[in-house]
């Protein structure tokens, strides 16, 4: 049996203890949880659990987590989870005043996630959000918008609790217009993609309490006037499932060397926009110079025919005519992994699953796939792309034999 002597003293009117009391399962060793993210469980400060407040009973939550990350040489705090009423079993130490709390009512952190400095970041969508052009159904929206605006709204939410029960220092909320297929878009202009290529990176999810949402589509849309390649699309459907995706990315290297517009968009989907409290965490562009390339799905397009590397009548062209044997083009990012990975399509017609198509193996140095599909049932189709067994996005399109 180990005997530990505890000396109690009064410091600044609070009950404190002097000797070190080890906290079970606490750690100062972080684990990578996403690009630039280091997560610490039960963070410690000088041998004690870190207190919830930066000063005694003041500046609580984010200020304490932020200062802790900075002292550990990270750029900023990303998120945190509180641990209530733990001081009796695991004493806490206040960061600024060094006071120690040993009562049951003393609070700490279950975890803190810090964000490291990414040297390749050259554009911050969060910081630039007030300068973006925000619209829904081509109606111009203010920034910040009001949470009761049925046209949709974009705004900052500070100390935001998301669906994973973590608190985030600041997120960008983008609520689509309040109707089925409602949409909101924020267009950021005059962005130049480096010659090395670029990656869009963000966390995506929903604010806590959005249990009434039936999910929403997140999409990165780009318009570069001098780009002459195939017009790719990639929508990512996210359900409100208690998890935040902290490694969402979109390769934009096909626009290298060009200047244009990038938009972040959210679409409510076919059914409802109710509680589509969609958020983006730390959305940014990262230069791929000196970055390891993991590859991944870039986007896809459908058209009438293939002519060499060209896709004819992409998305039905101006007429909207797309019927019979159509051609699907899929694009993938450059990869340094050296891995050959399987690709599948899951097809849906008007919400009903129609089948799974095995597209075969994407070789390590392969960037495109082509497939001919028979589509004679008129109306809305959807193709989910499964890359190495994981959903990576989808495209939606309309089959019509008469066009517009």
Protein backbone atom coordinates (compact mmCIF):
# COMPACT_ATOMS: atom_id res chain seq x y z
CA UNK A 1 0.00 0.00 0.00
CA UNK A 2 1.29 3.39 -0.97
CA UNK A 3 0.78 6.16 1.61
CA UNK A 4 0.60 9.71 0.32
CA UNK A 5 0.67 12.63 2.73
CA UNK A 6 -1.43 15.63 1.77
CA UNK A 7 -0.82 19.09 3.21
CA UNK A 8 -3.69 21.53 2.91
CA UNK A 9 -3.12 25.29 2.89
CA UNK A 10 -5.16 28.36 2.02
CA UNK A 11 -4.01 30.31 -1.04
CA UNK A 12 -5.99 33.33 -2.13
CA UNK A 13 -9.12 32.03 -0.40
CA UNK A 14 -9.07 28.65 -2.15
CA UNK A 15 -8.37 25.20 -0.80
CA UNK A 16 -5.10 23.89 -2.23
CA UNK A 17 -2.85 20.95 -1.79
CA UNK A 18 0.93 21.02 -2.11
CA UNK A 19 2.27 17.56 -3.02
CA UNK A 20 1.96 15.91 -6.43
CA UNK A 21 -1.05 13.65 -6.82
CA UNK A 22 -0.80 11.44 -9.88
CA UNK A 23 -3.86 11.40 -12.10
CA UNK A 24 -4.73 8.00 -13.56
CA UNK A 25 -4.55 7.74 -17.31
CA UNK A 26 -3.54 11.39 -17.72
CA UNK A 27 -0.93 12.15 -20.34
CA UNK A 28 1.17 14.92 -21.79
CA UNK A 29 1.84 12.92 -24.96
CA UNK A 30 -0.36 13.93 -27.87
CA UNK A 31 -1.66 11.81 -30.73
CA UNK A 32 -2.18 12.98 -34.30
CA UNK A 33 -5.90 13.24 -35.06
CA UNK A 34 -5.88 14.98 -38.45
CA UNK A 35 -3.79 17.33 -40.60
CA UNK A 36 -1.92 19.63 -38.21
CA UNK A 37 -3.90 18.36 -35.19
CA UNK A 38 -2.44 16.92 -31.96
CA UNK A 39 -4.87 15.58 -29.35
CA UNK A 40 -4.03 15.33 -25.65
CA UNK A 41 -6.19 13.28 -23.29
CA UNK A 42 -6.55 14.54 -19.71
CA UNK A 43 -3.93 17.28 -20.17
CA UNK A 44 -1.56 17.88 -17.27
CA UNK A 45 0.07 21.03 -15.93
CA UNK A 46 3.09 20.70 -13.65
CA UNK A 47 2.02 17.30 -12.38
CA UNK A 48 -1.69 18.06 -11.94
CA UNK A 49 -4.73 17.99 -14.18
CA UNK A 50 -5.01 21.32 -15.98
CA UNK A 51 -7.71 23.43 -14.36
CA UNK A 52 -10.71 24.52 -16.44
CA UNK A 53 -9.95 28.17 -15.73
CA UNK A 54 -6.89 30.19 -16.70
CA UNK A 55 -7.22 32.18 -13.45
CA UNK A 56 -9.11 31.13 -10.35
CA UNK A 57 -12.80 30.86 -11.39
CA UNK A 58 -12.28 33.28 -14.31
CA UNK A 59 -11.29 33.03 -17.98
CA UNK A 60 -12.53 29.47 -18.17
CA UNK A 61 -12.61 26.96 -21.02
CA UNK A 62 -11.11 28.36 -24.22
CA UNK A 63 -8.63 30.78 -22.55
CA UNK A 64 -7.07 27.99 -20.47
CA UNK A 65 -6.95 25.55 -23.38
CA UNK A 66 -5.49 28.20 -25.68
CA UNK A 67 -2.71 29.19 -23.30
CA UNK A 68 -1.86 25.53 -22.64
CA UNK A 69 -1.42 24.87 -26.37
CA UNK A 70 0.74 27.96 -26.85
CA UNK A 71 3.04 27.03 -23.97
CA UNK A 72 3.49 23.63 -25.61
CA UNK A 73 4.62 25.47 -28.77
CA UNK A 74 1.52 24.90 -30.88
CA UNK A 75 -0.05 27.62 -33.00
CA UNK A 76 -3.47 27.60 -31.33
CA UNK A 77 -6.12 25.49 -29.67
CA UNK A 78 -8.47 23.70 -32.03
CA UNK A 79 -11.00 22.03 -29.73
CA UNK A 80 -11.56 20.79 -26.22
CA UNK A 81 -13.88 18.64 -24.08
CA UNK A 82 -14.62 19.63 -20.46
CA UNK A 83 -14.30 17.24 -17.55
CA UNK A 84 -16.68 18.36 -14.82
CA UNK A 85 -16.30 17.76 -11.07
CA UNK A 86 -13.03 15.84 -11.12
CA UNK A 87 -10.98 17.78 -8.56
CA UNK A 88 -11.69 15.48 -5.63
CA UNK A 89 -10.14 12.46 -7.30
CA UNK A 90 -7.70 14.28 -9.62
CA UNK A 91 -6.61 17.65 -8.30
CA UNK A 92 -6.37 20.50 -10.81
CA UNK A 93 -3.82 23.31 -11.12
CA UNK A 94 -4.71 26.81 -12.29
CA UNK A 95 -2.40 27.94 -15.06
CA UNK A 96 -1.82 31.62 -14.23
CA UNK A 97 -1.95 31.59 -10.43
CA UNK A 98 -0.58 28.07 -9.72
CA UNK A 99 -3.46 27.47 -7.29
CA UNK A 100 -4.50 23.86 -6.82
CA UNK A 101 -8.10 22.77 -6.43
CA UNK A 102 -8.82 19.49 -4.62
CA UNK A 103 -12.61 19.62 -4.31
CA UNK A 104 -15.24 17.66 -6.24
CA UNK A 105 -16.51 20.85 -7.88
CA UNK A 106 -13.13 21.52 -9.55
CA UNK A 107 -13.25 21.13 -13.32
CA UNK A 108 -10.64 20.16 -15.88
CA UNK A 109 -10.41 18.94 -19.48
CA UNK A 110 -11.15 15.49 -20.83
CA UNK A 111 -9.02 16.41 -23.83
CA UNK A 112 -7.46 19.34 -25.67
CA UNK A 113 -6.61 19.31 -29.38
CA UNK A 114 -3.94 21.76 -30.49
CA UNK A 115 -3.24 22.89 -34.02
CA UNK A 116 0.35 23.07 -35.21
CA UNK A 117 1.69 25.60 -37.68
CA UNK A 118 1.29 24.43 -41.28
CA UNK A 119 4.03 26.11 -43.28
CA UNK A 120 2.21 25.68 -46.59
CA UNK A 121 -1.02 27.51 -45.71
CA UNK A 122 -1.50 30.44 -48.08
CA UNK A 123 -5.24 31.19 -47.80
CA UNK A 124 -7.56 31.13 -44.77
CA UNK A 125 -11.28 30.93 -45.62
CA UNK A 126 -12.24 31.64 -42.02
CA UNK A 127 -10.34 34.93 -41.83
CA UNK A 128 -11.48 35.99 -45.31
CA UNK A 129 -15.17 35.10 -44.85
CA UNK A 130 -16.29 38.76 -44.40
CA UNK A 131 -14.81 39.56 -47.84
CA UNK A 132 -16.46 36.63 -49.64
CA UNK A 133 -19.57 37.01 -51.78
CA UNK A 134 -22.32 35.05 -49.98
CA UNK A 135 -25.42 34.02 -51.94
CA UNK A 136 -28.33 31.60 -51.97
CA UNK A 137 -30.43 31.15 -55.11
CA UNK A 138 -28.42 34.11 -56.41
CA UNK A 139 -29.70 36.33 -53.62
CA UNK A 140 -26.88 38.30 -52.03
CA UNK A 141 -26.53 37.60 -48.30
CA UNK A 142 -24.85 39.70 -45.60
CA UNK A 143 -21.95 38.50 -43.49
CA UNK A 144 -22.46 37.81 -40.73
CA UNK A 145 -26.01 36.69 -41.37
CA UNK A 146 -28.80 36.23 -38.86
CA UNK A 147 -29.74 32.78 -37.59
CA UNK A 148 -33.39 33.39 -38.45
CA UNK A 149 -32.82 34.37 -42.08
CA UNK A 150 -34.79 31.87 -44.18
CA UNK A 151 -32.71 32.75 -47.24
CA UNK A 152 -29.79 31.03 -45.51
CA UNK A 153 -26.91 32.58 -43.61
CA UNK A 154 -23.17 32.45 -42.96
CA UNK A 155 -21.63 33.54 -39.68
CA UNK A 156 -18.89 32.85 -37.15
CA UNK A 157 -19.70 30.77 -34.09
CA UNK A 158 -17.17 31.08 -31.27
CA UNK A 159 -16.65 28.43 -28.59
CA UNK A 160 -18.95 26.28 -30.70
CA UNK A 161 -20.07 22.91 -29.43
CA UNK A 162 -20.26 20.51 -32.36
CA UNK A 163 -21.94 17.16 -32.82
CA UNK A 164 -18.91 15.30 -31.41
CA UNK A 165 -19.42 17.14 -28.08
CA UNK A 166 -16.15 19.02 -28.50
CA UNK A 167 -15.94 22.78 -28.24
CA UNK A 168 -14.16 24.58 -31.11
CA UNK A 169 -12.56 27.99 -30.82
CA UNK A 170 -14.22 29.36 -33.96
CA UNK A 171 -16.10 27.75 -36.85
CA UNK A 172 -17.82 29.05 -39.96
CA UNK A 173 -21.51 28.13 -40.00
CA UNK A 174 -23.14 28.00 -43.44
CA UNK A 175 -26.85 27.24 -43.30
CA UNK A 176 -28.51 26.67 -46.71
CA UNK A 177 -31.75 28.31 -47.78
CA UNK A 178 -34.73 26.92 -45.87
CA UNK A 179 -36.20 24.59 -48.49
CA UNK A 180 -35.44 21.25 -50.20
CA UNK A 181 -32.36 21.65 -52.42
CA UNK A 182 -31.66 24.92 -50.58
CA UNK A 183 -28.12 26.13 -51.06
CA UNK A 184 -25.62 28.64 -49.77
CA UNK A 185 -22.30 29.56 -51.36
CA UNK A 186 -19.42 31.76 -50.32
CA UNK A 187 -17.29 32.84 -53.29
CA UNK A 188 -13.69 33.84 -52.63
CA UNK A 189 -12.14 35.67 -55.56
CA UNK A 190 -8.67 36.35 -56.95
CA UNK A 191 -7.02 33.20 -55.58
CA UNK A 192 -3.88 31.98 -57.34
CA UNK A 193 -3.01 28.30 -57.09
CA UNK A 194 0.76 27.72 -56.72
CA UNK A 195 2.65 25.87 -59.44
CA UNK A 196 3.23 23.08 -56.91
CA UNK A 197 -0.54 22.56 -56.64
CA UNK A 198 -2.83 23.04 -53.66
CA UNK A 199 -5.10 21.18 -51.29
CA UNK A 200 -8.26 22.52 -49.64
CA UNK A 201 -8.46 21.23 -46.06
CA UNK A 202 -11.11 21.60 -43.39
CA UNK A 203 -13.07 19.97 -40.65
CA UNK A 204 -16.76 19.55 -41.51
CA UNK A 205 -19.75 18.69 -39.38
CA UNK A 206 -22.79 20.12 -37.61
CA UNK A 207 -23.41 22.16 -34.50
CA UNK A 208 -24.54 20.13 -31.51
CA UNK A 209 -28.29 19.63 -31.30
CA UNK A 210 -28.88 19.27 -35.04
CA UNK A 211 -30.63 15.93 -34.58
CA UNK A 212 -33.44 17.04 -36.91
CA UNK A 213 -31.10 17.30 -39.90
CA UNK A 214 -31.33 14.65 -42.62
CA UNK A 215 -27.79 15.50 -43.72
CA UNK A 216 -26.30 17.99 -46.16
CA UNK A 217 -23.89 18.13 -49.09
CA UNK A 218 -20.54 19.89 -48.68
CA UNK A 219 -18.82 20.95 -51.90
CA UNK A 220 -15.79 22.92 -53.03
CA UNK A 221 -16.61 24.67 -56.27
CA UNK A 222 -14.01 26.40 -58.43
CA UNK A 223 -14.10 28.71 -61.45
CA UNK A 224 -10.81 29.46 -63.18
CA UNK A 225 -11.40 31.24 -66.53
CA UNK A 226 -8.27 29.84 -68.21
CA UNK A 227 -8.94 26.23 -67.20
CA UNK A 228 -9.82 24.07 -70.21
CA UNK A 229 -10.06 20.65 -68.58
CA UNK A 230 -13.10 18.49 -67.79
CA UNK A 231 -15.58 20.25 -65.43
CA UNK A 232 -15.40 17.97 -62.39
CA UNK A 233 -17.80 17.87 -59.48
CA UNK A 234 -17.56 16.25 -56.09
CA UNK A 235 -20.21 16.54 -53.40
CA UNK A 236 -19.64 15.05 -49.98
CA UNK A 237 -22.75 14.03 -48.08
CA UNK A 238 -22.40 14.33 -44.31
CA UNK A 239 -25.06 13.06 -41.94
CA UNK A 240 -25.52 14.29 -38.41
CA UNK A 241 -23.96 11.22 -36.79
CA UNK A 242 -22.02 12.48 -33.77
CA UNK A 243 -18.71 12.63 -35.64
CA UNK A 244 -16.80 15.56 -37.11
CA UNK A 245 -14.69 14.79 -40.16
CA UNK A 246 -11.33 16.35 -39.35
CA UNK A 247 -9.48 15.39 -42.52
CA UNK A 248 -11.81 16.54 -45.30
CA UNK A 249 -9.73 17.63 -48.28
CA UNK A 250 -10.14 18.56 -51.93
CA UNK A 251 -7.21 18.52 -54.35
CA UNK A 252 -7.13 21.65 -56.55
CA UNK A 253 -3.84 21.00 -58.30
CA UNK A 254 -5.47 20.89 -61.74
CA UNK A 255 -5.69 24.68 -61.46
CA UNK A 256 -1.98 25.15 -60.74
CA UNK A 257 -0.65 28.51 -61.90
CA UNK A 258 -4.15 29.90 -62.52
CA UNK A 259 -6.08 32.67 -60.77
CA UNK A 260 -9.80 32.39 -60.14
CA UNK A 261 -12.65 31.91 -57.69
CA UNK A 262 -13.17 29.18 -55.10
CA UNK A 263 -16.49 28.71 -53.35
CA UNK A 264 -17.44 26.68 -50.32
CA UNK A 265 -21.04 25.52 -50.62
CA UNK A 266 -23.63 23.56 -48.66
CA UNK A 267 -26.73 22.02 -50.25
CA UNK A 268 -29.68 20.84 -48.14
CA UNK A 269 -30.41 17.85 -50.36
CA UNK A 270 -33.70 16.50 -51.67
CA UNK A 271 -35.82 16.40 -48.52
CA UNK A 272 -35.34 19.21 -46.03
CA UNK A 273 -33.02 21.94 -44.79
CA UNK A 274 -34.27 21.65 -41.19
CA UNK A 275 -31.40 21.98 -38.71
CA UNK A 276 -28.76 21.81 -41.43
CA UNK A 277 -26.40 23.62 -39.07
CA UNK A 278 -23.38 22.88 -41.24
CA UNK A 279 -19.97 24.16 -40.16
CA UNK A 280 -16.41 24.37 -41.49
CA UNK A 281 -13.49 24.25 -39.07
CA UNK A 282 -10.20 25.88 -40.10
CA UNK A 283 -10.93 25.84 -43.87
CA UNK A 284 -7.70 26.67 -45.67
CA UNK A 285 -5.59 26.20 -48.79
CA UNK A 286 -2.24 24.45 -48.44
CA UNK A 287 0.52 24.48 -51.05
CA UNK A 288 1.63 20.98 -52.01
CA UNK A 289 5.27 22.05 -52.19
CA UNK A 290 7.24 19.69 -49.91
CA UNK A 291 3.99 17.93 -48.93
CA UNK A 292 3.61 14.15 -49.04
CA UNK A 293 0.86 13.35 -51.54
CA UNK A 294 -1.67 10.85 -50.24
CA UNK A 295 -3.74 10.81 -53.43
CA UNK A 296 -7.52 10.50 -53.24
CA UNK A 297 -10.63 11.23 -55.24
CA UNK A 298 -10.72 14.65 -56.95
CA UNK A 299 -14.05 14.60 -58.76
CA UNK A 300 -16.08 13.14 -61.61
CA UNK A 301 -18.16 14.17 -64.60
CA UNK A 302 -20.66 12.52 -66.95
CA UNK A 303 -21.12 13.17 -70.66
CA UNK A 304 -22.30 11.67 -73.91
CA UNK A 305 -19.01 10.41 -75.37
CA UNK A 306 -15.28 10.15 -74.83
CA UNK A 307 -12.88 11.55 -77.40
CA UNK A 308 -9.32 10.82 -76.29
CA UNK A 309 -8.89 12.71 -73.00
CA UNK A 310 -11.95 14.86 -73.70
CA UNK A 311 -15.47 14.31 -72.37
CA UNK A 312 -18.10 15.47 -74.85
CA UNK A 313 -21.37 17.11 -73.79
CA UNK A 314 -20.33 17.17 -70.13
CA UNK A 315 -23.34 17.20 -67.77
CA UNK A 316 -25.64 17.30 -70.79
CA UNK A 317 -24.13 20.49 -72.17
CA UNK A 318 -26.33 23.48 -72.97
CA UNK A 319 -29.24 21.31 -74.10
CA UNK A 320 -29.37 19.12 -71.00
CA UNK A 321 -29.66 16.05 -73.24
CA UNK A 322 -28.07 13.04 -71.54
CA UNK A 323 -29.54 9.61 -72.28
CA UNK A 324 -28.67 6.01 -73.18
CA UNK A 325 -25.01 5.03 -73.00
CA UNK A 326 -23.27 7.80 -71.09
CA UNK A 327 -19.62 8.11 -70.15
CA UNK A 328 -18.30 8.78 -66.65
CA UNK A 329 -14.87 10.29 -66.08
CA UNK A 330 -13.26 10.02 -62.63
CA UNK A 331 -10.15 11.96 -61.59
CA UNK A 332 -7.74 11.19 -58.75
CA UNK A 333 -4.94 13.18 -57.15
CA UNK A 334 -1.26 12.42 -57.48
CA UNK A 335 -0.08 9.90 -54.90
CA UNK A 336 3.28 9.21 -53.27
CA UNK A 337 2.00 6.10 -51.47
CA UNK A 338 2.82 3.58 -54.20
CA UNK A 339 -0.43 1.75 -53.44
CA UNK A 340 -2.86 0.17 -55.91
CA UNK A 341 -6.40 0.60 -54.56
CA UNK A 342 -9.92 -0.55 -55.60
CA UNK A 343 -12.66 1.79 -56.81
CA UNK A 344 -16.42 1.13 -56.87
CA UNK A 345 -19.61 2.98 -57.80
CA UNK A 346 -22.89 2.67 -55.93
CA UNK A 347 -25.71 3.88 -58.17
CA UNK A 348 -29.04 5.34 -57.05
CA UNK A 349 -32.11 6.31 -59.09
CA UNK A 350 -34.58 8.62 -57.38
CA UNK A 351 -33.20 7.53 -54.02
CA UNK A 352 -33.38 3.80 -54.70
CA UNK A 353 -30.18 1.78 -54.79
CA UNK A 354 -29.71 0.31 -58.26
CA UNK A 355 -26.49 -1.65 -57.82
CA UNK A 356 -22.73 -1.66 -57.29
CA UNK A 357 -20.21 -1.41 -60.14
CA UNK A 358 -16.64 -2.58 -59.61
CA UNK A 359 -14.36 -0.21 -61.54
CA UNK A 360 -11.26 -2.27 -60.79
CA UNK A 361 -7.92 -1.22 -59.35
CA UNK A 362 -6.52 2.29 -59.56
CA UNK A 363 -2.77 1.94 -60.05
CA UNK A 364 -0.41 4.03 -57.94
CA UNK A 365 0.53 6.31 -60.85
CA UNK A 366 -2.96 6.39 -62.41
CA UNK A 367 -4.99 9.60 -62.26
CA UNK A 368 -8.12 8.86 -64.31
CA UNK A 369 -10.76 6.21 -64.87
CA UNK A 370 -13.43 6.01 -67.58
CA UNK A 371 -16.64 3.99 -67.56
CA UNK A 372 -19.62 3.65 -69.89
CA UNK A 373 -22.97 3.40 -68.10
CA UNK A 374 -26.42 2.62 -69.46
CA UNK A 375 -28.93 5.22 -68.29
CA UNK A 376 -32.42 5.12 -69.85
CA UNK A 377 -34.55 5.81 -66.77
CA UNK A 378 -35.41 9.51 -66.83
CA UNK A 379 -34.81 11.75 -63.85
CA UNK A 380 -32.31 12.14 -61.04
CA UNK A 381 -29.37 9.76 -60.65
CA UNK A 382 -26.63 9.66 -58.06
CA UNK A 383 -23.27 7.88 -58.07
CA UNK A 384 -21.39 7.33 -54.81
CA UNK A 385 -17.65 6.80 -55.24
CA UNK A 386 -16.05 4.20 -52.94
CA UNK A 387 -12.25 4.42 -52.89
CA UNK A 388 -10.36 1.70 -51.03
CA UNK A 389 -13.60 0.73 -49.27
CA UNK A 390 -14.35 4.28 -48.08
CA UNK A 391 -17.00 6.74 -49.25
CA UNK A 392 -15.15 9.74 -50.71
CA UNK A 393 -17.93 11.70 -52.39
CA UNK A 394 -20.61 11.54 -55.05
CA UNK A 395 -22.09 13.24 -58.09
CA UNK A 396 -25.74 13.88 -58.98
CA UNK A 397 -27.03 14.35 -62.51
CA UNK A 398 -30.22 14.27 -64.56
CA UNK A 399 -31.05 11.84 -67.38
CA UNK A 400 -33.18 13.44 -70.10
CA UNK A 401 -33.92 12.38 -73.69
CA UNK A 402 -35.37 15.71 -74.75
CA UNK A 403 -33.15 18.26 -72.99
CA UNK A 404 -34.46 21.67 -72.09
